[in-house]
Amino acid sequence: MWGYRLSFTVMTAPPSDGLVVVDHPLVDTSLVTLRNAGTTTDDFRRHARLLTLILAFHVLADLPCREVDVATPLELCRGRVLDRSVIFVPVLRAGLAMLDAMSDFVPGSKVGFVGLERDKATAIARSYYQKLPAQLASAETIILDPMLATGGSAIATVELLKEQQAQRIRLACVVAAPEGIAALRARHPDVRVFAATVDRQLNERKFIVPGLGDFGDRYFGTT
């Protein structure tokens, strides 16, 4: 009797200083749709979810597992399950766009919320809301923020989480700017960044270029 075994390898660009850039043709295709100024809200949401699902495989790829026994209809066998709790922390409001797709992979995961608003004149993030689970010290904490621009929101969120005893923190984003990556690495080199792409730079208004505009406005239809 012939048989075969399927294997799946998570492909990324080579990591550099804690940065993982996803390399996948479906990600590239979705990025084109997300960047396109003529994309409808429905299509933007659809491709944001697809991209986040692929990104989740990379963000969650090396979480620790433990062995368990499982009874199949035929016999007892060994399997592996996650051995660490996961807490997702979307940065309001754009981070909510990534939450459902990410959390679908981790049943029972907890969710914290951080509200940050960027001052349009100074580009400095200001906190206006936070609600976090109590288990941060023992969990893998994953910040969800689609756009890593100046790094201000990411740094503020990381520092807030560390004040609450978070030990292991990752950041998942769609588009990152070199300036934001450098700023976060300078303050918190232990935080790994997972991005679908790294764009050219920030413009004079501190927006990522070429970018895709305001992610939250485009996702929620408030443009």
C-alpha atoms as a PDB file:
ATOM      1  CA  MET A   1       0.000   0.000   0.000  1.00  0.00           C
ATOM      2  CA  TRP A   2       1.408   3.338  -1.046  1.00  0.00           C
ATOM      3  CA  GLY A   3       1.514   6.243   1.379  1.00  0.00           C
ATOM      4  CA  TYR A   4       2.860   9.745   1.558  1.00  0.00           C
ATOM      5  CA  ARG A   5       3.535  12.410   4.118  1.00  0.00           C
ATOM      6  CA  LEU A   6       2.849  16.089   3.664  1.00  0.00           C
ATOM      7  CA  SER A   7       5.284  18.571   5.141  1.00  0.00           C
ATOM      8  CA  PHE A   8       4.790  22.286   5.709  1.00  0.00           C
ATOM      9  CA  THR A   9       7.607  24.745   6.153  1.00  0.00           C
ATOM     10  CA  VAL A  10       7.066  28.304   7.315  1.00  0.00           C
ATOM     11  CA  MET A  11       9.073  30.511   4.972  1.00  0.00           C
ATOM     12  CA  THR A  12      10.433  33.876   6.041  1.00  0.00           C
ATOM     13  CA  ALA A  13      13.106  36.244   4.964  1.00  0.00           C
ATOM     14  CA  PRO A  14      16.300  35.755   7.013  1.00  0.00           C
ATOM     15  CA  PRO A  15      15.768  37.307  10.480  1.00  0.00           C
ATOM     16  CA  SER A  16      17.802  40.407  11.208  1.00  0.00           C
ATOM     17  CA  ASP A  17      18.090  41.861  14.701  1.00  0.00           C
ATOM     18  CA  GLY A  18      14.830  40.304  15.867  1.00  0.00           C
ATOM     19  CA  LEU A  19      12.931  41.190  12.681  1.00  0.00           C
ATOM     20  CA  VAL A  20      11.051  38.528  10.691  1.00  0.00           C
ATOM     21  CA  VAL A  21       9.638  39.568   7.309  1.00  0.00           C
ATOM     22  CA  VAL A  22       7.122  37.154   5.815  1.00  0.00           C
ATOM     23  CA  ASP A  23       7.951  35.895   2.325  1.00  0.00           C
ATOM     24  CA  HIS A  24       4.827  34.431   0.718  1.00  0.00           C
ATOM     25  CA  PRO A  25       3.147  35.003  -2.669  1.00  0.00           C
ATOM     26  CA  LEU A  26      -0.303  35.330  -1.075  1.00  0.00           C
ATOM     27  CA  VAL A  27       1.033  38.020   1.248  1.00  0.00           C
ATOM     28  CA  ASP A  28       2.485  39.890  -1.730  1.00  0.00           C
ATOM     29  CA  THR A  29      -0.835  39.671  -3.556  1.00  0.00           C
ATOM     30  CA  SER A  30      -2.823  40.890  -0.544  1.00  0.00           C
ATOM     31  CA  LEU A  31      -0.403  43.779  -0.009  1.00  0.00           C
ATOM     32  CA  VAL A  32      -1.110  45.028  -3.537  1.00  0.00           C
ATOM     33  CA  THR A  33      -4.844  45.067  -2.768  1.00  0.00           C
ATOM     34  CA  LEU A  34      -4.316  46.765   0.600  1.00  0.00           C
ATOM     35  CA  ARG A  35      -2.094  49.451  -0.930  1.00  0.00           C
ATOM     36  CA  ASN A  36      -4.464  50.214  -3.810  1.00  0.00           C
ATOM     37  CA  ALA A  37      -6.318  53.461  -3.087  1.00  0.00           C
ATOM     38  CA  GLY A  38      -9.303  52.150  -5.071  1.00  0.00           C
ATOM     39  CA  THR A  39      -9.831  49.019  -2.972  1.00  0.00           C
ATOM     40  CA  THR A  40     -13.304  48.810  -1.424  1.00  0.00           C
ATOM     41  CA  THR A  41     -13.793  48.408   2.316  1.00  0.00           C
ATOM     42  CA  ASP A  42     -15.003  44.815   1.862  1.00  0.00           C
ATOM     43  CA  ASP A  43     -11.967  43.838  -0.199  1.00  0.00           C
ATOM     44  CA  PHE A  44      -9.636  45.621   2.216  1.00  0.00           C
ATOM     45  CA  ARG A  45     -11.091  43.633   5.132  1.00  0.00           C
ATOM     46  CA  ARG A  46     -10.905  40.346   3.207  1.00  0.00           C
ATOM     47  CA  HIS A  47      -7.246  40.761   2.321  1.00  0.00           C
ATOM     48  CA  ALA A  48      -6.347  42.104   5.758  1.00  0.00           C
ATOM     49  CA  ARG A  49      -7.720  38.891   7.248  1.00  0.00           C
ATOM     50  CA  LEU A  50      -5.980  36.660   4.707  1.00  0.00           C
ATOM     51  CA  LEU A  51      -2.654  38.369   5.303  1.00  0.00           C
ATOM     52  CA  THR A  52      -3.073  38.148   9.079  1.00  0.00           C
ATOM     53  CA  LEU A  53      -3.829  34.419   8.875  1.00  0.00           C
ATOM     54  CA  ILE A  54      -0.559  33.824   7.040  1.00  0.00           C
ATOM     55  CA  LEU A  55       1.311  36.130   9.401  1.00  0.00           C
ATOM     56  CA  ALA A  56      -0.052  34.149  12.344  1.00  0.00           C
ATOM     57  CA  PHE A  57       1.773  30.994  11.209  1.00  0.00           C
ATOM     58  CA  HIS A  58       5.071  32.854  11.528  1.00  0.00           C
ATOM     59  CA  VAL A  59       4.275  34.656  14.780  1.00  0.00           C
ATOM     60  CA  LEU A  60       3.192  31.426  16.480  1.00  0.00           C
ATOM     61  CA  ALA A  61       5.634  29.017  14.807  1.00  0.00           C
ATOM     62  CA  ASP A  62       8.092  28.504  17.673  1.00  0.00           C
ATOM     63  CA  LEU A  63       5.813  28.478  20.711  1.00  0.00           C
ATOM     64  CA  PRO A  64       6.721  25.659  23.145  1.00  0.00           C
ATOM     65  CA  CYS A  65       4.735  22.420  23.092  1.00  0.00           C
ATOM     66  CA  ARG A  66       4.335  19.414  25.367  1.00  0.00           C
ATOM     67  CA  GLU A  67       3.563  15.805  24.504  1.00  0.00           C
ATOM     68  CA  VAL A  68       0.171  14.275  25.287  1.00  0.00           C
ATOM     69  CA  ASP A  69      -1.572  10.959  24.719  1.00  0.00           C
ATOM     70  CA  VAL A  70      -4.591  10.975  22.426  1.00  0.00           C
ATOM     71  CA  ALA A  71      -6.980   8.110  21.735  1.00  0.00           C
ATOM     72  CA  THR A  72      -7.803   7.883  18.032  1.00  0.00           C
ATOM     73  CA  PRO A  73     -10.654   5.619  16.820  1.00  0.00           C
ATOM     74  CA  LEU A  74      -7.955   2.962  16.240  1.00  0.00           C
ATOM     75  CA  GLU A  75      -5.304   3.272  18.941  1.00  0.00           C
ATOM     76  CA  LEU A  76      -3.502   5.445  21.445  1.00  0.00           C
ATOM     77  CA  CYS A  77      -0.838   7.746  20.024  1.00  0.00           C
ATOM     78  CA  ARG A  78       1.332  10.657  21.040  1.00  0.00           C
ATOM     79  CA  GLY A  79       0.674  14.244  20.032  1.00  0.00           C
ATOM     80  CA  ARG A  80       1.888  17.739  20.823  1.00  0.00           C
ATOM     81  CA  VAL A  81      -0.092  20.712  22.126  1.00  0.00           C
ATOM     82  CA  LEU A  82       0.788  24.273  23.032  1.00  0.00           C
ATOM     83  CA  ASP A  83       2.424  24.533  26.432  1.00  0.00           C
ATOM     84  CA  ARG A  84       2.171  28.259  27.024  1.00  0.00           C
ATOM     85  CA  SER A  85      -0.794  30.575  27.299  1.00  0.00           C
ATOM     86  CA  VAL A  86      -1.079  33.339  24.722  1.00  0.00           C
ATOM     87  CA  ILE A  87      -2.371  36.851  25.259  1.00  0.00           C
ATOM     88  CA  PHE A  88      -3.160  39.051  22.267  1.00  0.00           C
ATOM     89  CA  VAL A  89      -3.026  42.803  22.796  1.00  0.00           C
ATOM     90  CA  PRO A  90      -4.522  44.784  19.908  1.00  0.00           C
ATOM     91  CA  VAL A  91      -3.658  48.473  19.897  1.00  0.00           C
ATOM     92  CA  LEU A  92      -6.968  50.276  19.418  1.00  0.00           C
ATOM     93  CA  ARG A  93      -8.474  50.642  17.086  1.00  0.00           C
ATOM     94  CA  ALA A  94      -6.561  49.328  14.041  1.00  0.00           C
ATOM     95  CA  GLY A  95      -5.194  46.339  15.948  1.00  0.00           C
ATOM     96  CA  LEU A  96      -8.736  44.947  16.239  1.00  0.00           C
ATOM     97  CA  ALA A  97      -8.544  44.178  12.514  1.00  0.00           C
ATOM     98  CA  MET A  98      -5.949  41.477  13.244  1.00  0.00           C
ATOM     99  CA  LEU A  99      -7.501  40.009  16.394  1.00  0.00           C
ATOM    100  CA  ASP A 100     -10.053  37.488  15.086  1.00  0.00           C
ATOM    101  CA  ALA A 101      -7.699  35.934  12.542  1.00  0.00           C
ATOM    102  CA  MET A 102      -4.874  35.595  15.085  1.00  0.00           C
ATOM    103  CA  SER A 103      -6.960  34.342  17.993  1.00  0.00           C
ATOM    104  CA  ASP A 104      -8.690  31.693  15.859  1.00  0.00           C
ATOM    105  CA  PHE A 105      -5.436  29.720  15.969  1.00  0.00           C
ATOM    106  CA  VAL A 106      -5.255  29.726  19.776  1.00  0.00           C
ATOM    107  CA  PRO A 107      -8.532  28.641  21.423  1.00  0.00           C
ATOM    108  CA  GLY A 108      -8.709  29.903  24.969  1.00  0.00           C
ATOM    109  CA  SER A 109      -6.311  32.769  24.396  1.00  0.00           C
ATOM    110  CA  LYS A 110      -6.915  35.906  26.424  1.00  0.00           C
ATOM    111  CA  VAL A 111      -7.133  39.434  25.069  1.00  0.00           C
ATOM    112  CA  GLY A 112      -5.934  42.725  26.477  1.00  0.00           C
ATOM    113  CA  PHE A 113      -6.632  46.161  25.038  1.00  0.00           C
ATOM    114  CA  VAL A 114      -4.474  49.258  24.799  1.00  0.00           C
ATOM    115  CA  GLY A 115      -5.829  52.533  23.474  1.00  0.00           C
ATOM    116  CA  LEU A 116      -3.238  54.898  22.028  1.00  0.00           C
ATOM    117  CA  GLU A 117      -3.798  58.042  20.014  1.00  0.00           C
ATOM    118  CA  ARG A 118      -1.089  59.755  17.993  1.00  0.00           C
ATOM    119  CA  ASP A 119      -0.865  63.540  18.308  1.00  0.00           C
ATOM    120  CA  LYS A 120      -1.094  64.873  14.762  1.00  0.00           C
ATOM    121  CA  ALA A 121       1.356  67.678  15.461  1.00  0.00           C
ATOM    122  CA  THR A 122       4.055  65.813  17.402  1.00  0.00           C
ATOM    123  CA  ALA A 123       3.389  62.186  16.268  1.00  0.00           C
ATOM    124  CA  ILE A 124       3.769  61.170  19.942  1.00  0.00           C
ATOM    125  CA  ALA A 125       1.420  58.422  21.175  1.00  0.00           C
ATOM    126  CA  ARG A 126      -0.897  59.215  24.083  1.00  0.00           C
ATOM    127  CA  SER A 127      -2.576  56.496  26.151  1.00  0.00           C
ATOM    128  CA  TYR A 128      -6.313  56.857  26.731  1.00  0.00           C
ATOM    129  CA  TYR A 129      -7.339  53.281  27.668  1.00  0.00           C
ATOM    130  CA  GLN A 130      -5.908  49.981  28.911  1.00  0.00           C
ATOM    131  CA  LYS A 131      -7.431  46.712  30.098  1.00  0.00           C
ATOM    132  CA  LEU A 132      -5.029  43.794  30.507  1.00  0.00           C
ATOM    133  CA  PRO A 133      -5.318  40.186  31.768  1.00  0.00           C
ATOM    134  CA  ALA A 134      -3.560  39.272  34.999  1.00  0.00           C
ATOM    135  CA  GLN A 135      -1.494  36.398  33.535  1.00  0.00           C
ATOM    136  CA  LEU A 136       1.048  38.451  31.570  1.00  0.00           C
ATOM    137  CA  ALA A 137       4.074  37.156  33.493  1.00  0.00           C
ATOM    138  CA  SER A 138       3.580  33.549  32.393  1.00  0.00           C
ATOM    139  CA  ALA A 139       2.173  34.114  28.896  1.00  0.00           C
ATOM    140  CA  GLU A 140       3.436  34.844  25.421  1.00  0.00           C
ATOM    141  CA  THR A 141       2.160  38.349  24.755  1.00  0.00           C
ATOM    142  CA  ILE A 142       1.584  39.359  21.148  1.00  0.00           C
ATOM    143  CA  ILE A 143       0.941  43.003  20.311  1.00  0.00           C
ATOM    144  CA  LEU A 144      -1.252  43.529  17.243  1.00  0.00           C
ATOM    145  CA  ASP A 145      -0.695  46.833  15.466  1.00  0.00           C
ATOM    146  CA  PRO A 146      -0.917  46.915  11.649  1.00  0.00           C
ATOM    147  CA  MET A 147       1.392  49.909  11.100  1.00  0.00           C
ATOM    148  CA  LEU A 148       4.796  50.305  12.779  1.00  0.00           C
ATOM    149  CA  ALA A 149       5.642  53.887  11.798  1.00  0.00           C
ATOM    150  CA  THR A 150       7.639  55.989  14.278  1.00  0.00           C
ATOM    151  CA  GLY A 151       7.591  53.173  16.820  1.00  0.00           C
ATOM    152  CA  GLY A 152       5.985  55.410  19.428  1.00  0.00           C
ATOM    153  CA  SER A 153       2.836  53.317  19.889  1.00  0.00           C
ATOM    154  CA  ALA A 154       4.793  50.059  19.947  1.00  0.00           C
ATOM    155  CA  ILE A 155       7.274  51.388  22.530  1.00  0.00           C
ATOM    156  CA  ALA A 156       4.483  52.767  24.728  1.00  0.00           C
ATOM    157  CA  THR A 157       2.617  49.450  24.579  1.00  0.00           C
ATOM    158  CA  VAL A 158       5.715  47.383  25.348  1.00  0.00           C
ATOM    159  CA  GLU A 159       6.570  49.567  28.328  1.00  0.00           C
ATOM    160  CA  LEU A 160       3.017  49.344  29.627  1.00  0.00           C
ATOM    161  CA  LEU A 161       3.117  45.541  29.308  1.00  0.00           C
ATOM    162  CA  LYS A 162       6.477  45.283  31.030  1.00  0.00           C
ATOM    163  CA  GLU A 163       5.185  47.412  33.889  1.00  0.00           C
ATOM    164  CA  GLN A 164       2.528  44.692  34.294  1.00  0.00           C
ATOM    165  CA  GLN A 165       5.254  41.985  34.433  1.00  0.00           C
ATOM    166  CA  ALA A 166       5.060  40.726  30.837  1.00  0.00           C
ATOM    167  CA  GLN A 167       8.209  38.691  30.156  1.00  0.00           C
ATOM    168  CA  ARG A 168       7.857  37.545  26.523  1.00  0.00           C
ATOM    169  CA  ILE A 169       6.559  40.072  24.000  1.00  0.00           C
ATOM    170  CA  ARG A 170       6.204  39.944  20.214  1.00  0.00           C
ATOM    171  CA  LEU A 171       4.837  42.522  17.797  1.00  0.00           C
ATOM    172  CA  ALA A 172       2.822  41.545  14.715  1.00  0.00           C
ATOM    173  CA  CYS A 173       2.293  44.213  12.077  1.00  0.00           C
ATOM    174  CA  VAL A 174       1.423  44.468   8.397  1.00  0.00           C
ATOM    175  CA  VAL A 175       3.692  47.312   7.292  1.00  0.00           C
ATOM    176  CA  ALA A 176       6.779  48.568   9.119  1.00  0.00           C
ATOM    177  CA  ALA A 177       9.055  51.541   8.529  1.00  0.00           C
ATOM    178  CA  PRO A 178      12.828  51.324   9.115  1.00  0.00           C
ATOM    179  CA  GLU A 179      12.582  54.235  11.570  1.00  0.00           C
ATOM    180  CA  GLY A 180      10.019  52.440  13.711  1.00  0.00           C
ATOM    181  CA  ILE A 181      11.978  49.206  13.724  1.00  0.00           C
ATOM    182  CA  ALA A 182      15.149  51.035  14.767  1.00  0.00           C
ATOM    183  CA  ALA A 183      13.374  52.980  17.528  1.00  0.00           C
ATOM    184  CA  LEU A 184      11.800  49.845  18.999  1.00  0.00           C
ATOM    185  CA  ARG A 185      15.039  47.876  18.796  1.00  0.00           C
ATOM    186  CA  ALA A 186      16.944  50.681  20.542  1.00  0.00           C
ATOM    187  CA  ARG A 187      14.537  50.706  23.506  1.00  0.00           C
ATOM    188  CA  HIS A 188      13.459  47.052  23.618  1.00  0.00           C
ATOM    189  CA  PRO A 189      15.843  44.740  21.737  1.00  0.00           C
ATOM    190  CA  ASP A 190      14.164  41.680  23.285  1.00  0.00           C
ATOM    191  CA  VAL A 191      10.901  42.272  21.392  1.00  0.00           C
ATOM    192  CA  ARG A 192      10.678  40.342  18.123  1.00  0.00           C
ATOM    193  CA  VAL A 193       8.918  42.063  15.223  1.00  0.00           C
ATOM    194  CA  PHE A 194       6.955  40.133  12.589  1.00  0.00           C
ATOM    195  CA  ALA A 195       5.961  42.131   9.504  1.00  0.00           C
ATOM    196  CA  ALA A 196       4.507  41.450   6.075  1.00  0.00           C
ATOM    197  CA  THR A 197       6.767  44.089   4.564  1.00  0.00           C
ATOM    198  CA  VAL A 198       9.227  46.857   5.436  1.00  0.00           C
ATOM    199  CA  ASP A 199       8.576  50.019   3.449  1.00  0.00           C
ATOM    200  CA  ARG A 200      10.987  52.718   2.354  1.00  0.00           C
ATOM    201  CA  GLN A 201      10.676  55.433   5.014  1.00  0.00           C
ATOM    202  CA  LEU A 202       8.467  57.930   6.836  1.00  0.00           C
ATOM    203  CA  ASN A 203       7.461  61.162   5.111  1.00  0.00           C
ATOM    204  CA  GLU A 204       7.477  64.618   6.700  1.00  0.00           C
ATOM    205  CA  ARG A 205       4.096  63.878   8.307  1.00  0.00           C
ATOM    206  CA  LYS A 206       5.456  60.644   9.860  1.00  0.00           C
ATOM    207  CA  PHE A 207       3.349  58.428   7.602  1.00  0.00           C
ATOM    208  CA  ILE A 208       4.844  55.285   6.094  1.00  0.00           C
ATOM    209  CA  VAL A 209       5.595  55.556   2.365  1.00  0.00           C
ATOM    210  CA  PRO A 210       4.614  54.052   0.050  1.00  0.00           C
ATOM    211  CA  GLY A 211       2.394  52.618   2.794  1.00  0.00           C
ATOM    212  CA  LEU A 212      -1.332  52.047   2.408  1.00  0.00           C
ATOM    213  CA  GLY A 213      -2.890  55.054   4.126  1.00  0.00           C
ATOM    214  CA  ASP A 214      -4.623  54.920   7.495  1.00  0.00           C
ATOM    215  CA  PHE A 215      -5.205  51.198   8.132  1.00  0.00           C
ATOM    216  CA  GLY A 216      -7.959  51.729  10.712  1.00  0.00           C
ATOM    217  CA  ASP A 217      -9.909  54.171   8.567  1.00  0.00           C
ATOM    218  CA  ARG A 218      -9.724  51.919   5.526  1.00  0.00           C
ATOM    219  CA  TYR A 219     -10.621  48.758   7.461  1.00  0.00           C
ATOM    220  CA  PHE A 220     -13.573  50.259   9.329  1.00  0.00           C
ATOM    221  CA  GLY A 221     -14.763  52.413   6.427  1.00  0.00           C
ATOM    222  CA  THR A 222     -14.250  55.764   8.154  1.00  0.00           C
ATOM    223  CA  THR A 223     -12.195  57.389   5.400  1.00  0.00           C
END
